Amino acid sequence: MKNFDILFNDIELNNIIDSINKINEDTLLACHGRYHTMFVVNAIENILSNLNFDKDIIELGKIAGLLHDIGTIKGKKGHALLSSEMCMHFLNKTKLSEESKNIIKHAIEDHSNGNDINSPVGAALLLADKIDISKNRVLELGKKDRWHNNLLNIEKTIISVVDKDIIINYIVNDKFSKKILSEEWKKGILIPIKASNYFGCNCIFEINGVQVDLI
């Protein structure tokens, strides 16, 4: 069994992922559980595959995506660091080398702010995590928040790689505010640019397939 499959089918890990939103329902505005986790896993696979990385790097990326938010089971504050600490328990269930485990651990620890991108795994995780803004991420508490309420107008996010361009396309309805996105999601714009540059790529943002400047 592949290392990713070992963790994807791990009962203990799945219980954590499926409990995050419920346990934090009084404080959490955006999903950090099953939906977000799988969006990130699939986006990482898409990014790394289309950038022609080998299957081993792609698997490390998918594992990082699977584990990146598990620390949120104890709350959002400091969740990246806690997730990086908790992930070792699960990585030790695999046959990964210590070097591979450390790549994943560092990527998870860095995924909130992107201060130290040092691997394709880390760059792909940052990209996938930050572009996941849509109605599917908004929890009940988030509907009372201006920023998250605007996300209800984003139907989905599509990421594609064309030559040296990483294209992030937000599919929105006519109630969506580009102004709110630009003003309140600086990190979610600047970090994907930084991560794309790590790959030697341009980062292009689109709204309904039309290129926009969000900076």
Protein backbone atom coordinates (compact mmCIF):
# COMPACT_ATOMS: atom_id res chain seq x y z
CA MET A 1 0.00 0.00 0.00
CA LYS A 2 1.30 3.46 -0.90
CA ASN A 3 2.17 5.83 1.90
CA PHE A 4 -0.62 8.25 0.99
CA ASP A 5 -3.17 5.43 0.96
CA ILE A 6 -2.00 4.24 4.38
CA LEU A 7 -2.84 7.65 5.85
CA PHE A 8 -5.93 8.28 3.73
CA ASN A 9 -7.43 5.09 5.18
CA ASP A 10 -6.17 5.64 8.74
CA ILE A 11 -9.16 5.61 11.12
CA GLU A 12 -7.51 7.81 13.74
CA LEU A 13 -6.59 10.47 11.18
CA ASN A 14 -10.01 10.41 9.55
CA ASN A 15 -11.70 10.88 12.91
CA ILE A 16 -9.63 14.02 13.48
CA ILE A 17 -10.30 15.48 10.03
CA ASP A 18 -14.03 14.79 10.31
CA SER A 19 -14.27 16.29 13.82
CA ILE A 20 -12.44 19.60 13.32
CA ASN A 21 -15.38 21.74 12.25
CA LYS A 22 -17.81 20.32 14.80
CA ILE A 23 -15.46 20.62 17.77
CA ASN A 24 -14.69 24.25 16.83
CA GLU A 25 -18.18 25.28 15.72
CA ASP A 26 -18.28 28.15 18.25
CA THR A 27 -15.06 29.75 16.96
CA LEU A 28 -14.26 28.55 13.44
CA LEU A 29 -15.46 30.67 10.52
CA ALA A 30 -14.05 28.61 7.66
CA CYS A 31 -13.84 24.87 7.08
CA HIS A 32 -10.56 23.25 8.07
CA GLY A 33 -12.01 19.73 7.93
CA ARG A 34 -12.89 17.25 5.19
CA TYR A 35 -13.87 19.61 2.36
CA HIS A 36 -10.85 21.89 2.73
CA THR A 37 -8.46 19.01 3.28
CA MET A 38 -9.46 17.26 0.08
CA PHE A 39 -9.51 20.49 -1.93
CA VAL A 40 -5.90 21.04 -0.87
CA VAL A 41 -4.86 17.44 -1.57
CA ASN A 42 -6.36 17.52 -5.07
CA ALA A 43 -5.01 20.99 -5.87
CA ILE A 44 -1.50 19.94 -4.81
CA GLU A 45 -1.68 16.89 -7.06
CA ASN A 46 -2.86 19.10 -9.93
CA ILE A 47 -0.10 21.68 -9.41
CA LEU A 48 2.80 19.26 -9.02
CA SER A 49 1.63 16.93 -11.81
CA ASN A 50 1.30 19.79 -14.28
CA LEU A 51 4.71 21.13 -13.28
CA ASN A 52 6.09 17.67 -14.13
CA PHE A 53 7.33 16.64 -10.69
CA ASP A 54 7.85 12.93 -10.16
CA LYS A 55 5.36 10.69 -8.40
CA ASP A 56 7.33 10.64 -5.15
CA ILE A 57 7.21 14.43 -4.76
CA ILE A 58 3.54 14.43 -5.70
CA GLU A 59 2.84 11.85 -3.00
CA LEU A 60 4.71 13.89 -0.39
CA GLY A 61 2.64 16.91 -1.41
CA LYS A 62 -0.63 15.01 -1.09
CA ILE A 63 0.37 13.71 2.34
CA ALA A 64 1.24 17.27 3.45
CA GLY A 65 -2.20 18.38 2.27
CA LEU A 66 -3.88 15.56 4.13
CA LEU A 67 -2.16 16.46 7.40
CA HIS A 68 -1.73 20.23 7.18
CA ASP A 69 -4.69 21.30 9.34
CA ILE A 70 -5.02 18.48 11.86
CA GLY A 71 -3.81 20.76 14.67
CA THR A 72 -7.00 22.78 14.22
CA ILE A 73 -8.70 20.07 16.27
CA LYS A 74 -7.40 22.16 19.20
CA GLY A 75 -8.33 25.54 17.69
CA LYS A 76 -7.14 27.74 14.83
CA LYS A 77 -4.57 29.77 16.77
CA GLY A 78 -1.12 28.28 16.23
CA HIS A 79 -2.61 25.42 14.24
CA ALA A 80 0.22 25.26 11.68
CA LEU A 81 2.85 24.59 14.32
CA LEU A 82 0.63 22.15 16.18
CA SER A 83 -0.24 20.34 12.93
CA SER A 84 3.47 19.99 12.15
CA GLU A 85 4.03 18.43 15.56
CA MET A 86 1.01 16.12 15.38
CA CYS A 87 1.84 14.99 11.84
CA MET A 88 4.90 13.01 12.96
CA HIS A 89 2.70 10.51 14.80
CA PHE A 90 0.98 9.72 11.50
CA LEU A 91 4.09 9.90 9.32
CA ASN A 92 5.65 7.26 11.53
CA LYS A 93 2.92 4.89 10.35
CA THR A 94 4.35 5.09 6.83
CA LYS A 95 7.53 3.82 5.21
CA LEU A 96 8.76 7.31 4.35
CA SER A 97 12.39 8.23 4.94
CA GLU A 98 13.29 10.71 7.68
CA GLU A 99 14.20 13.23 4.99
CA SER A 100 10.75 12.94 3.43
CA LYS A 101 9.04 13.23 6.82
CA ASN A 102 11.01 16.41 7.53
CA ILE A 103 10.04 17.92 4.17
CA ILE A 104 6.38 17.37 5.01
CA LYS A 105 6.77 18.61 8.57
CA HIS A 106 8.42 21.83 7.46
CA ALA A 107 5.85 22.45 4.73
CA ILE A 108 3.02 22.10 7.25
CA GLU A 109 4.71 24.34 9.83
CA ASP A 110 5.22 27.05 7.18
CA HIS A 111 1.82 26.81 5.49
CA SER A 112 0.13 29.71 7.25
CA ASN A 113 2.57 32.48 6.39
CA GLY A 114 5.03 31.10 3.83
CA ASN A 115 8.07 32.65 5.46
CA ASP A 116 10.45 29.84 4.48
CA ILE A 117 9.53 28.01 1.30
CA ASN A 118 12.24 25.40 0.83
CA SER A 119 10.64 22.62 -1.22
CA PRO A 120 8.13 22.05 -4.03
CA VAL A 121 5.94 20.39 -1.39
CA GLY A 122 5.89 23.55 0.71
CA ALA A 123 5.22 25.82 -2.27
CA ALA A 124 2.37 23.62 -3.56
CA LEU A 125 0.80 23.42 -0.09
CA LEU A 126 0.87 27.20 0.28
CA LEU A 127 -0.73 27.68 -3.11
CA ALA A 128 -3.44 25.09 -2.59
CA ASP A 129 -4.28 26.28 0.92
CA LYS A 130 -4.53 29.99 0.12
CA ILE A 131 -6.62 29.70 -3.04
CA ASP A 132 -9.36 27.68 -1.34
CA ILE A 133 -11.85 30.50 -0.92
CA SER A 134 -15.43 29.70 -1.93
CA LYS A 135 -18.90 29.16 -0.53
CA ASN A 136 -17.90 25.61 0.33
CA ARG A 137 -15.49 26.81 3.02
CA VAL A 138 -17.91 29.07 4.89
CA LEU A 139 -19.20 27.61 8.15
CA GLU A 140 -22.34 28.80 9.93
CA LEU A 141 -20.45 31.26 12.11
CA GLY A 142 -18.71 32.67 9.06
CA LYS A 143 -21.98 33.83 7.53
CA LYS A 144 -22.01 36.68 10.07
CA ASP A 145 -18.57 37.91 8.98
CA ARG A 146 -18.10 40.42 6.10
CA TRP A 147 -15.14 38.64 4.55
CA HIS A 148 -16.58 35.14 4.76
CA ASN A 149 -20.03 36.34 3.67
CA ASN A 150 -18.44 37.56 0.43
CA LEU A 151 -17.03 34.07 -0.10
CA LEU A 152 -20.58 32.79 -0.40
CA ASN A 153 -20.57 34.48 -3.82
CA ILE A 154 -17.62 32.41 -5.07
CA GLU A 155 -18.96 29.21 -6.59
CA LYS A 156 -15.59 27.49 -6.94
CA THR A 157 -11.88 27.96 -7.53
CA ILE A 158 -10.16 26.47 -10.55
CA ILE A 159 -6.36 26.25 -10.72
CA SER A 160 -4.49 25.42 -13.89
CA VAL A 161 -0.91 25.46 -15.15
CA VAL A 162 -0.24 26.73 -18.66
CA ASP A 163 3.42 26.91 -19.69
CA LYS A 164 4.98 29.19 -17.04
CA ASP A 165 1.68 30.55 -15.73
CA ILE A 166 -0.19 29.31 -12.69
CA ILE A 167 -3.75 30.52 -13.21
CA ILE A 168 -6.18 30.88 -10.32
CA ASN A 169 -9.71 31.41 -11.60
CA TYR A 170 -12.52 32.33 -9.19
CA ILE A 171 -16.00 31.57 -10.54
CA VAL A 172 -18.32 34.13 -8.94
CA ASN A 173 -21.85 35.49 -9.10
CA ASP A 174 -22.84 39.15 -9.57
CA LYS A 175 -22.96 39.81 -5.80
CA PHE A 176 -19.26 39.11 -5.38
CA SER A 177 -17.07 42.04 -4.29
CA LYS A 178 -13.60 42.16 -5.82
CA LYS A 179 -12.90 45.13 -3.51
CA ILE A 180 -13.42 43.04 -0.37
CA LEU A 181 -11.21 40.29 -1.78
CA SER A 182 -8.39 42.72 -2.58
CA GLU A 183 -8.60 44.63 0.70
CA GLU A 184 -9.02 41.75 3.13
CA TRP A 185 -7.09 38.87 1.58
CA LYS A 186 -3.62 40.32 1.01
CA LYS A 187 -1.99 37.17 2.34
CA GLY A 188 -4.10 35.04 0.02
CA ILE A 189 -2.85 37.06 -2.94
CA LEU A 190 0.80 37.66 -2.07
CA ILE A 191 1.56 34.11 -0.88
CA PRO A 192 0.33 32.39 -4.08
CA ILE A 193 2.49 34.85 -6.04
CA LYS A 194 5.49 34.01 -3.86
CA ALA A 195 4.84 30.26 -4.15
CA SER A 196 4.38 30.49 -7.93
CA ASN A 197 7.65 32.39 -8.21
CA TYR A 198 9.37 29.58 -6.31
CA PHE A 199 8.42 27.34 -9.25
CA GLY A 200 9.68 29.94 -11.72
CA CYS A 201 6.08 30.72 -12.72
CA ASN A 202 3.87 33.76 -12.98
CA CYS A 203 0.73 33.83 -10.82
CA ILE A 204 -2.32 35.02 -12.72
CA PHE A 205 -5.65 35.71 -11.03
CA GLU A 206 -8.89 35.54 -12.97
CA ILE A 207 -12.52 36.19 -12.15
CA ASN A 208 -14.87 34.21 -14.37
CA GLY A 209 -11.98 33.61 -16.76
CA VAL A 210 -10.99 37.28 -17.10
CA GLN A 211 -7.56 38.30 -15.79
CA VAL A 212 -7.68 40.79 -12.90
CA ASP A 213 -5.17 42.74 -10.82
CA LEU A 214 -5.82 42.08 -7.13
CA ILE A 215 -2.81 43.87 -5.66
